Amino acid sequence: NTVYLQMNSLKPEDTAVYYCATTKSWCGVPVVAGLLDF
């Protein structure tokens, strides 16, 4: 019941709070476009 994000070659600009979220819709376009309401 787990999803992972392996992060390599990290850069200072990767500094942030990282969140996971669920959707029952297709996620590709919404996540790339930052459509949080999906």
PDB file of all heavy atoms in Angstrom:
ATOM      1  N   ASN A   1       0.827  -1.202   0.000  1.00  0.00           N
ATOM      2  CA  ASN A   1       0.000   0.000   0.000  1.00  0.00           C
ATOM      3  C   ASN A   1       0.870   1.264   0.000  1.00  0.00           C
ATOM      4  O   ASN A   1       0.561   2.249   0.678  1.00  0.00           O
ATOM      5  CB  ASN A   1      -0.949   0.009   1.202  1.00  0.00           C
ATOM      6  CG  ASN A   1      -2.325   0.541   0.868  1.00  0.00           C
ATOM      7  OD1 ASN A   1      -2.760   0.517  -0.286  1.00  0.00           O
ATOM      8  ND2 ASN A   1      -3.033   1.028   1.882  1.00  0.00           N
ATOM      9  N   THR A   2       1.935   1.220  -0.786  1.00  0.00           N
ATOM     10  CA  THR A   2       2.952   2.257  -0.748  1.00  0.00           C
ATOM     11  C   THR A   2       3.406   2.635  -2.155  1.00  0.00           C
ATOM     12  O   THR A   2       3.523   1.780  -3.032  1.00  0.00           O
ATOM     13  CB  THR A   2       4.165   1.798   0.069  1.00  0.00           C
ATOM     14  OG1 THR A   2       3.752   1.539   1.417  1.00  0.00           O
ATOM     15  CG2 THR A   2       5.263   2.847   0.085  1.00  0.00           C
ATOM     16  N   VAL A   3       3.665   3.911  -2.346  1.00  0.00           N
ATOM     17  CA  VAL A   3       4.275   4.441  -3.557  1.00  0.00           C
ATOM     18  C   VAL A   3       5.597   5.087  -3.170  1.00  0.00           C
ATOM     19  O   VAL A   3       5.704   5.727  -2.115  1.00  0.00           O
ATOM     20  CB  VAL A   3       3.346   5.443  -4.253  1.00  0.00           C
ATOM     21  CG1 VAL A   3       4.070   6.151  -5.397  1.00  0.00           C
ATOM     22  CG2 VAL A   3       2.113   4.724  -4.794  1.00  0.00           C
ATOM     23  N   TYR A   4       6.592   4.930  -4.024  1.00  0.00           N
ATOM     24  CA  TYR A   4       7.931   5.435  -3.755  1.00  0.00           C
ATOM     25  C   TYR A   4       8.336   6.471  -4.790  1.00  0.00           C
ATOM     26  O   TYR A   4       7.890   6.451  -5.932  1.00  0.00           O
ATOM     27  CB  TYR A   4       8.958   4.299  -3.787  1.00  0.00           C
ATOM     28  CG  TYR A   4       8.647   3.178  -2.835  1.00  0.00           C
ATOM     29  CD1 TYR A   4       7.984   2.032  -3.269  1.00  0.00           C
ATOM     30  CD2 TYR A   4       9.012   3.254  -1.497  1.00  0.00           C
ATOM     31  CE1 TYR A   4       7.688   0.999  -2.399  1.00  0.00           C
ATOM     32  CE2 TYR A   4       8.723   2.234  -0.618  1.00  0.00           C
ATOM     33  CZ  TYR A   4       8.058   1.104  -1.078  1.00  0.00           C
ATOM     34  OH  TYR A   4       7.774   0.086  -0.199  1.00  0.00           O
ATOM     35  N   LEU A   5       9.220   7.356  -4.374  1.00  0.00           N
ATOM     36  CA  LEU A   5       9.881   8.270  -5.292  1.00  0.00           C
ATOM     37  C   LEU A   5      11.379   8.206  -5.009  1.00  0.00           C
ATOM     38  O   LEU A   5      11.841   8.716  -3.987  1.00  0.00           O
ATOM     39  CB  LEU A   5       9.369   9.703  -5.137  1.00  0.00           C
ATOM     40  CG  LEU A   5       9.937  10.708  -6.137  1.00  0.00           C
ATOM     41  CD1 LEU A   5       9.434  10.404  -7.551  1.00  0.00           C
ATOM     42  CD2 LEU A   5       9.574  12.134  -5.746  1.00  0.00           C
ATOM     43  N   GLN A   6      12.107   7.559  -5.900  1.00  0.00           N
ATOM     44  CA  GLN A   6      13.558   7.504  -5.805  1.00  0.00           C
ATOM     45  C   GLN A   6      14.124   8.745  -6.470  1.00  0.00           C
ATOM     46  O   GLN A   6      13.874   8.989  -7.648  1.00  0.00           O
ATOM     47  CB  GLN A   6      14.094   6.246  -6.494  1.00  0.00           C
ATOM     48  CG  GLN A   6      15.616   6.139  -6.497  1.00  0.00           C
ATOM     49  CD  GLN A   6      16.184   5.906  -5.121  1.00  0.00           C
ATOM     50  OE1 GLN A   6      15.682   5.078  -4.377  1.00  0.00           O
ATOM     51  NE2 GLN A   6      17.230   6.648  -4.772  1.00  0.00           N
ATOM     52  N   MET A   7      14.889   9.525  -5.725  1.00  0.00           N
ATOM     53  CA  MET A   7      15.435  10.779  -6.208  1.00  0.00           C
ATOM     54  C   MET A   7      16.952  10.683  -6.209  1.00  0.00           C
ATOM     55  O   MET A   7      17.578  10.536  -5.156  1.00  0.00           O
ATOM     56  CB  MET A   7      14.970  11.950  -5.343  1.00  0.00           C
ATOM     57  CG  MET A   7      13.452  12.040  -5.218  1.00  0.00           C
ATOM     58  SD  MET A   7      12.910  13.569  -4.405  1.00  0.00           S
ATOM     59  CE  MET A   7      13.649  13.349  -2.792  1.00  0.00           C
ATOM     60  N   ASN A   8      17.540  10.767  -7.386  1.00  0.00           N
ATOM     61  CA  ASN A   8      18.984  10.715  -7.556  1.00  0.00           C
ATOM     62  C   ASN A   8      19.488  12.042  -8.109  1.00  0.00           C
ATOM     63  O   ASN A   8      18.726  12.842  -8.636  1.00  0.00           O
ATOM     64  CB  ASN A   8      19.371   9.579  -8.507  1.00  0.00           C
ATOM     65  CG  ASN A   8      18.958   8.220  -8.012  1.00  0.00           C
ATOM     66  OD1 ASN A   8      18.966   7.950  -6.815  1.00  0.00           O
ATOM     67  ND2 ASN A   8      18.608   7.331  -8.935  1.00  0.00           N
ATOM     68  N   SER A   9      20.791  12.239  -8.008  1.00  0.00           N
ATOM     69  CA  SER A   9      21.437  13.442  -8.534  1.00  0.00           C
ATOM     70  C   SER A   9      20.730  14.705  -8.065  1.00  0.00           C
ATOM     71  O   SER A   9      20.438  15.607  -8.849  1.00  0.00           O
ATOM     72  CB  SER A   9      21.481  13.386 -10.063  1.00  0.00           C
ATOM     73  OG  SER A   9      22.171  12.238 -10.520  1.00  0.00           O
ATOM     74  N   LEU A  10      20.472  14.771  -6.781  1.00  0.00           N
ATOM     75  CA  LEU A  10      19.690  15.870  -6.233  1.00  0.00           C
ATOM     76  C   LEU A  10      20.423  17.199  -6.352  1.00  0.00           C
ATOM     77  O   LEU A  10      21.651  17.271  -6.229  1.00  0.00           O
ATOM     78  CB  LEU A  10      19.340  15.590  -4.785  1.00  0.00           C
ATOM     79  CG  LEU A  10      18.213  14.561  -4.612  1.00  0.00           C
ATOM     80  CD1 LEU A  10      18.193  14.022  -3.193  1.00  0.00           C
ATOM     81  CD2 LEU A  10      16.874  15.199  -4.963  1.00  0.00           C
ATOM     82  N   LYS A  11      19.644  18.238  -6.586  1.00  0.00           N
ATOM     83  CA  LYS A  11      20.145  19.593  -6.752  1.00  0.00           C
ATOM     84  C   LYS A  11      19.550  20.494  -5.679  1.00  0.00           C
ATOM     85  O   LYS A  11      18.477  20.206  -5.152  1.00  0.00           O
ATOM     86  CB  LYS A  11      19.754  20.131  -8.136  1.00  0.00           C
ATOM     87  CG  LYS A  11      20.183  19.273  -9.304  1.00  0.00           C
ATOM     88  CD  LYS A  11      19.606  19.810 -10.602  1.00  0.00           C
ATOM     89  CE  LYS A  11      19.995  18.955 -11.782  1.00  0.00           C
ATOM     90  NZ  LYS A  11      19.415  19.469 -13.043  1.00  0.00           N
ATOM     91  N   PRO A  12      20.214  21.608  -5.363  1.00  0.00           N
ATOM     92  CA  PRO A  12      19.640  22.532  -4.377  1.00  0.00           C
ATOM     93  C   PRO A  12      18.218  22.979  -4.728  1.00  0.00           C
ATOM     94  O   PRO A  12      17.407  23.183  -3.823  1.00  0.00           O
ATOM     95  CB  PRO A  12      20.616  23.709  -4.386  1.00  0.00           C
ATOM     96  CG  PRO A  12      21.917  23.083  -4.735  1.00  0.00           C
ATOM     97  CD  PRO A  12      21.576  22.010  -5.742  1.00  0.00           C
ATOM     98  N   GLU A  13      17.914  23.118  -6.000  1.00  0.00           N
ATOM     99  CA  GLU A  13      16.577  23.532  -6.399  1.00  0.00           C
ATOM    100  C   GLU A  13      15.516  22.465  -6.173  1.00  0.00           C
ATOM    101  O   GLU A  13      14.320  22.727  -6.352  1.00  0.00           O
ATOM    102  CB  GLU A  13      16.555  23.991  -7.863  1.00  0.00           C
ATOM    103  CG  GLU A  13      17.167  22.995  -8.834  1.00  0.00           C
ATOM    104  CD  GLU A  13      18.604  23.345  -9.189  1.00  0.00           C
ATOM    105  OE1 GLU A  13      19.388  23.665  -8.268  1.00  0.00           O
ATOM    106  OE2 GLU A  13      18.954  23.296 -10.383  1.00  0.00           O
ATOM    107  N   ASP A  14      15.915  21.261  -5.783  1.00  0.00           N
ATOM    108  CA  ASP A  14      14.960  20.224  -5.390  1.00  0.00           C
ATOM    109  C   ASP A  14      14.476  20.409  -3.956  1.00  0.00           C
ATOM    110  O   ASP A  14      13.580  19.683  -3.518  1.00  0.00           O
ATOM    111  CB  ASP A  14      15.578  18.834  -5.533  1.00  0.00           C
ATOM    112  CG  ASP A  14      15.908  18.480  -6.970  1.00  0.00           C
ATOM    113  OD1 ASP A  14      15.086  18.771  -7.870  1.00  0.00           O
ATOM    114  OD2 ASP A  14      16.990  17.896  -7.196  1.00  0.00           O
ATOM    115  N   THR A  15      15.070  21.331  -3.221  1.00  0.00           N
ATOM    116  CA  THR A  15      14.674  21.584  -1.842  1.00  0.00           C
ATOM    117  C   THR A  15      13.217  22.024  -1.781  1.00  0.00           C
ATOM    118  O   THR A  15      12.823  22.995  -2.429  1.00  0.00           O
ATOM    119  CB  THR A  15      15.567  22.651  -1.216  1.00  0.00           C
ATOM    120  OG1 THR A  15      16.911  22.167  -1.154  1.00  0.00           O
ATOM    121  CG2 THR A  15      15.105  22.999   0.195  1.00  0.00           C
ATOM    122  N   ALA A  16      12.411  21.310  -1.011  1.00  0.00           N
ATOM    123  CA  ALA A  16      10.986  21.583  -0.914  1.00  0.00           C
ATOM    124  C   ALA A  16      10.364  20.600   0.069  1.00  0.00           C
ATOM    125  O   ALA A  16      10.996  19.626   0.482  1.00  0.00           O
ATOM    126  CB  ALA A  16      10.306  21.439  -2.279  1.00  0.00           C
ATOM    127  N   VAL A  17       9.116  20.863   0.423  1.00  0.00           N
ATOM    128  CA  VAL A  17       8.296  19.863   1.077  1.00  0.00           C
ATOM    129  C   VAL A  17       7.636  19.033  -0.016  1.00  0.00           C
ATOM    130  O   VAL A  17       7.022  19.590  -0.930  1.00  0.00           O
ATOM    131  CB  VAL A  17       7.241  20.488   1.996  1.00  0.00           C
ATOM    132  CG1 VAL A  17       6.341  19.415   2.595  1.00  0.00           C
ATOM    133  CG2 VAL A  17       7.919  21.288   3.107  1.00  0.00           C
ATOM    134  N   TYR A  18       7.756  17.725   0.080  1.00  0.00           N
ATOM    135  CA  TYR A  18       7.217  16.812  -0.923  1.00  0.00           C
ATOM    136  C   TYR A  18       5.950  16.158  -0.406  1.00  0.00           C
ATOM    137  O   TYR A  18       5.913  15.642   0.709  1.00  0.00           O
ATOM    138  CB  TYR A  18       8.249  15.744  -1.290  1.00  0.00           C
ATOM    139  CG  TYR A  18       9.331  16.260  -2.204  1.00  0.00           C
ATOM    140  CD1 TYR A  18      10.298  17.147  -1.734  1.00  0.00           C
ATOM    141  CD2 TYR A  18       9.368  15.880  -3.546  1.00  0.00           C
ATOM    142  CE1 TYR A  18      11.273  17.647  -2.575  1.00  0.00           C
ATOM    143  CE2 TYR A  18      10.343  16.376  -4.394  1.00  0.00           C
ATOM    144  CZ  TYR A  18      11.294  17.256  -3.902  1.00  0.00           C
ATOM    145  OH  TYR A  18      12.264  17.745  -4.744  1.00  0.00           O
ATOM    146  N   TYR A  19       4.915  16.170  -1.230  1.00  0.00           N
ATOM    147  CA  TYR A  19       3.610  15.628  -0.885  1.00  0.00           C
ATOM    148  C   TYR A  19       3.212  14.535  -1.867  1.00  0.00           C
ATOM    149  O   TYR A  19       3.518  14.627  -3.059  1.00  0.00           O
ATOM    150  CB  TYR A  19       2.529  16.711  -0.955  1.00  0.00           C
ATOM    151  CG  TYR A  19       2.744  17.905  -0.070  1.00  0.00           C
ATOM    152  CD1 TYR A  19       3.492  18.991  -0.505  1.00  0.00           C
ATOM    153  CD2 TYR A  19       2.184  17.959   1.200  1.00  0.00           C
ATOM    154  CE1 TYR A  19       3.682  20.099   0.296  1.00  0.00           C
ATOM    155  CE2 TYR A  19       2.368  19.067   2.009  1.00  0.00           C
ATOM    156  CZ  TYR A  19       3.116  20.133   1.554  1.00  0.00           C
ATOM    157  OH  TYR A  19       3.294  21.236   2.353  1.00  0.00           O
ATOM    158  N   CYS A  20       2.503  13.529  -1.376  1.00  0.00           N
ATOM    159  CA  CYS A  20       1.840  12.595  -2.267  1.00  0.00           C
ATOM    160  C   CYS A  20       0.341  12.827  -2.210  1.00  0.00           C
ATOM    161  O   CYS A  20      -0.190  13.347  -1.234  1.00  0.00           O
ATOM    162  CB  CYS A  20       2.189  11.138  -1.948  1.00  0.00           C
ATOM    163  SG  CYS A  20       1.682  10.542  -0.322  1.00  0.00           S
ATOM    164  N   ALA A  21      -0.339  12.435  -3.280  1.00  0.00           N
ATOM    165  CA  ALA A  21      -1.776  12.645  -3.379  1.00  0.00           C
ATOM    166  C   ALA A  21      -2.380  11.610  -4.307  1.00  0.00           C
ATOM    167  O   ALA A  21      -1.696  11.054  -5.169  1.00  0.00           O
ATOM    168  CB  ALA A  21      -2.084  14.054  -3.891  1.00  0.00           C
ATOM    169  N   THR A  22      -3.671  11.354  -4.141  1.00  0.00           N
ATOM    170  CA  THR A  22      -4.375  10.320  -4.903  1.00  0.00           C
ATOM    171  C   THR A  22      -5.415  10.923  -5.827  1.00  0.00           C
ATOM    172  O   THR A  22      -5.987  11.976  -5.559  1.00  0.00           O
ATOM    173  CB  THR A  22      -5.077   9.326  -3.979  1.00  0.00           C
ATOM    174  OG1 THR A  22      -6.135   9.982  -3.275  1.00  0.00           O
ATOM    175  CG2 THR A  22      -4.104   8.726  -2.968  1.00  0.00           C
ATOM    176  N   THR A  23      -5.669  10.207  -6.927  1.00  0.00           N
ATOM    177  CA  THR A  23      -6.775  10.543  -7.802  1.00  0.00           C
ATOM    178  C   THR A  23      -7.318   9.272  -8.431  1.00  0.00           C
ATOM    179  O   THR A  23      -6.567   8.330  -8.700  1.00  0.00           O
ATOM    180  CB  THR A  23      -6.358  11.540  -8.893  1.00  0.00           C
ATOM    181  OG1 THR A  23      -7.478  11.837  -9.724  1.00  0.00           O
ATOM    182  CG2 THR A  23      -5.236  10.981  -9.765  1.00  0.00           C
ATOM    183  N   LYS A  24      -8.615   9.239  -8.683  1.00  0.00           N
ATOM    184  CA  LYS A  24      -9.224   8.151  -9.440  1.00  0.00           C
ATOM    185  C   LYS A  24      -9.287   8.481 -10.922  1.00  0.00           C
ATOM    186  O   LYS A  24      -9.769   7.667 -11.715  1.00  0.00           O
ATOM    187  CB  LYS A  24     -10.617   7.841  -8.894  1.00  0.00           C
ATOM    188  CG  LYS A  24     -10.595   7.180  -7.527  1.00  0.00           C
ATOM    189  CD  LYS A  24     -11.979   6.768  -7.078  1.00  0.00           C
ATOM    190  CE  LYS A  24     -11.918   6.033  -5.745  1.00  0.00           C
ATOM    191  NZ  LYS A  24     -13.261   5.620  -5.283  1.00  0.00           N
ATOM    192  N   SER A  25      -8.800   9.641 -11.288  1.00  0.00           N
ATOM    193  CA  SER A  25      -8.699  10.054 -12.678  1.00  0.00           C
ATOM    194  C   SER A  25      -7.304   9.755 -13.204  1.00  0.00           C
ATOM    195  O   SER A  25      -6.393   9.404 -12.456  1.00  0.00           O
ATOM    196  CB  SER A  25      -8.999  11.540 -12.816  1.00  0.00           C
ATOM    197  OG  SER A  25     -10.293  11.862 -12.352  1.00  0.00           O
ATOM    198  N   TRP A  26      -7.126   9.900 -14.508  1.00  0.00           N
ATOM    199  CA  TRP A  26      -5.808   9.756 -15.107  1.00  0.00           C
ATOM    200  C   TRP A  26      -4.919  10.879 -14.592  1.00  0.00           C
ATOM    201  O   TRP A  26      -5.313  12.040 -14.542  1.00  0.00           O
ATOM    202  CB  TRP A  26      -5.920   9.811 -16.629  1.00  0.00           C
ATOM    203  CG  TRP A  26      -4.639   9.577 -17.338  1.00  0.00           C
ATOM    204  CD1 TRP A  26      -3.763   8.543 -17.143  1.00  0.00           C
ATOM    205  CD2 TRP A  26      -4.085  10.388 -18.371  1.00  0.00           C
ATOM    206  NE1 TRP A  26      -2.689   8.666 -17.996  1.00  0.00           N
ATOM    207  CE2 TRP A  26      -2.867   9.790 -18.762  1.00  0.00           C
ATOM    208  CE3 TRP A  26      -4.496  11.554 -19.003  1.00  0.00           C
ATOM    209  CZ2 TRP A  26      -2.063  10.326 -19.758  1.00  0.00           C
ATOM    210  CZ3 TRP A  26      -3.698  12.085 -20.000  1.00  0.00           C
ATOM    211  CH2 TRP A  26      -2.491  11.471 -20.366  1.00  0.00           C
ATOM    212  N   CYS A  27      -3.676  10.548 -14.242  1.00  0.00           N
ATOM    213  CA  CYS A  27      -2.835  11.489 -13.512  1.00  0.00           C
ATOM    214  C   CYS A  27      -1.812  12.218 -14.373  1.00  0.00           C
ATOM    215  O   CYS A  27      -1.259  13.227 -13.924  1.00  0.00           O
ATOM    216  CB  CYS A  27      -2.091  10.778 -12.373  1.00  0.00           C
ATOM    217  SG  CYS A  27      -0.780   9.637 -12.903  1.00  0.00           S
ATOM    218  N   GLY A  28      -1.544  11.732 -15.571  1.00  0.00           N
ATOM    219  CA  GLY A  28      -0.422  12.242 -16.353  1.00  0.00           C
ATOM    220  C   GLY A  28      -0.465  13.733 -16.617  1.00  0.00           C
ATOM    221  O   GLY A  28       0.420  14.486 -16.190  1.00  0.00           O
ATOM    222  N   VAL A  29      -1.481  14.172 -17.328  1.00  0.00           N
ATOM    223  CA  VAL A  29      -1.595  15.596 -17.622  1.00  0.00           C
ATOM    224  C   VAL A  29      -1.790  16.420 -16.341  1.00  0.00           C
ATOM    225  O   VAL A  29      -1.120  17.441 -16.169  1.00  0.00           O
ATOM    226  CB  VAL A  29      -2.718  15.856 -18.633  1.00  0.00           C
ATOM    227  CG1 VAL A  29      -3.004  17.348 -18.753  1.00  0.00           C
ATOM    228  CG2 VAL A  29      -2.338  15.286 -19.992  1.00  0.00           C
ATOM    229  N   PRO A  30      -2.662  15.994 -15.421  1.00  0.00           N
ATOM    230  CA  PRO A  30      -2.839  16.809 -14.210  1.00  0.00           C
ATOM    231  C   PRO A  30      -1.563  17.018 -13.397  1.00  0.00           C
ATOM    232  O   PRO A  30      -1.332  18.128 -12.912  1.00  0.00           O
ATOM    233  CB  PRO A  30      -3.876  16.010 -13.415  1.00  0.00           C
ATOM    234  CG  PRO A  30      -4.677  15.313 -14.458  1.00  0.00           C
ATOM    235  CD  PRO A  30      -3.663  14.921 -15.500  1.00  0.00           C
ATOM    236  N   VAL A  31      -0.732  16.001 -13.243  1.00  0.00           N
ATOM    237  CA  VAL A  31       0.447  16.188 -12.403  1.00  0.00           C
ATOM    238  C   VAL A  31       1.494  17.035 -13.117  1.00  0.00           C
ATOM    239  O   VAL A  31       2.119  17.904 -12.500  1.00  0.00           O
ATOM    240  CB  VAL A  31       1.033  14.837 -11.927  1.00  0.00           C
ATOM    241  CG1 VAL A  31       1.833  14.137 -13.021  1.00  0.00           C
ATOM    242  CG2 VAL A  31       1.887  15.044 -10.681  1.00  0.00           C
ATOM    243  N   VAL A  32       1.687  16.820 -14.398  1.00  0.00           N
ATOM    244  CA  VAL A  32       2.678  17.600 -15.133  1.00  0.00           C
ATOM    245  C   VAL A  32       2.262  19.062 -15.204  1.00  0.00           C
ATOM    246  O   VAL A  32       3.098  19.968 -15.104  1.00  0.00           O
ATOM    247  CB  VAL A  32       2.898  17.011 -16.535  1.00  0.00           C
ATOM    248  CG1 VAL A  32       3.772  17.934 -17.377  1.00  0.00           C
ATOM    249  CG2 VAL A  32       3.537  15.635 -16.433  1.00  0.00           C
ATOM    250  N   ALA A  33       0.969  19.298 -15.343  1.00  0.00           N
ATOM    251  CA  ALA A  33       0.452  20.657 -15.435  1.00  0.00           C
ATOM    252  C   ALA A  33       0.195  21.291 -14.073  1.00  0.00           C
ATOM    253  O   ALA A  33      -0.176  22.467 -14.017  1.00  0.00           O
ATOM    254  CB  ALA A  33      -0.829  20.673 -16.261  1.00  0.00           C
ATOM    255  N   GLY A  34       0.346  20.546 -12.997  1.00  0.00           N
ATOM    256  CA  GLY A  34       0.105  21.074 -11.664  1.00  0.00           C
ATOM    257  C   GLY A  34      -1.351  21.360 -11.366  1.00  0.00           C
ATOM    258  O   GLY A  34      -1.663  22.315 -10.646  1.00  0.00           O
ATOM    259  N   LEU A  35      -2.251  20.533 -11.887  1.00  0.00           N
ATOM    260  CA  LEU A  35      -3.687  20.704 -11.680  1.00  0.00           C
ATOM    261  C   LEU A  35      -4.078  20.017 -10.376  1.00  0.00           C
ATOM    262  O   LEU A  35      -4.526  18.872 -10.359  1.00  0.00           O
ATOM    263  CB  LEU A  35      -4.461  20.152 -12.873  1.00  0.00           C
ATOM    264  CG  LEU A  35      -4.084  20.765 -14.227  1.00  0.00           C
ATOM    265  CD1 LEU A  35      -4.868  20.106 -15.355  1.00  0.00           C
ATOM    266  CD2 LEU A  35      -4.312  22.264 -14.226  1.00  0.00           C
ATOM    267  N   LEU A  36      -3.928  20.717  -9.291  1.00  0.00           N
ATOM    268  CA  LEU A  36      -4.064  20.125  -7.965  1.00  0.00           C
ATOM    269  C   LEU A  36      -5.473  19.637  -7.665  1.00  0.00           C
ATOM    270  O   LEU A  36      -5.640  18.703  -6.888  1.00  0.00           O
ATOM    271  CB  LEU A  36      -3.636  21.127  -6.895  1.00  0.00           C
ATOM    272  CG  LEU A  36      -2.242  21.742  -7.053  1.00  0.00           C
ATOM    273  CD1 LEU A  36      -1.950  22.652  -5.869  1.00  0.00           C
ATOM    274  CD2 LEU A  36      -1.180  20.671  -7.188  1.00  0.00           C
ATOM    275  N   ASP A  37      -6.479  20.251  -8.270  1.00  0.00           N
ATOM    276  CA  ASP A  37      -7.861  19.895  -7.970  1.00  0.00           C
ATOM    277  C   ASP A  37      -8.240  18.508  -8.455  1.00  0.00           C
ATOM    278  O   ASP A  37      -9.279  17.987  -8.073  1.00  0.00           O
ATOM    279  CB  ASP A  37      -8.820  20.924  -8.559  1.00  0.00           C
ATOM    280  CG  ASP A  37      -8.784  22.248  -7.833  1.00  0.00           C
ATOM    281  OD1 ASP A  37      -8.240  22.297  -6.718  1.00  0.00           O
ATOM    282  OD2 ASP A  37      -9.312  23.239  -8.374  1.00  0.00           O
ATOM    283  N   PHE A  38      -7.422  17.900  -9.304  1.00  0.00           N
ATOM    284  CA  PHE A  38      -7.674  16.533  -9.739  1.00  0.00           C
ATOM    285  C   PHE A  38      -7.391  15.516  -8.643  1.00  0.00           C
ATOM    286  O   PHE A  38      -7.813  14.368  -8.757  1.00  0.00           O
ATOM    287  CB  PHE A  38      -6.831  16.200 -10.968  1.00  0.00           C
ATOM    288  CG  PHE A  38      -7.432  16.650 -12.265  1.00  0.00           C
ATOM    289  CD1 PHE A  38      -7.310  17.965 -12.685  1.00  0.00           C
ATOM    290  CD2 PHE A  38      -8.129  15.766 -13.068  1.00  0.00           C
ATOM    291  CE1 PHE A  38      -7.863  18.393 -13.882  1.00  0.00           C
ATOM    292  CE2 PHE A  38      -8.681  16.177 -14.266  1.00  0.00           C
ATOM    293  CZ  PHE A  38      -8.552  17.488 -14.676  1.00  0.00           C
TER     294      PHE A  38
END
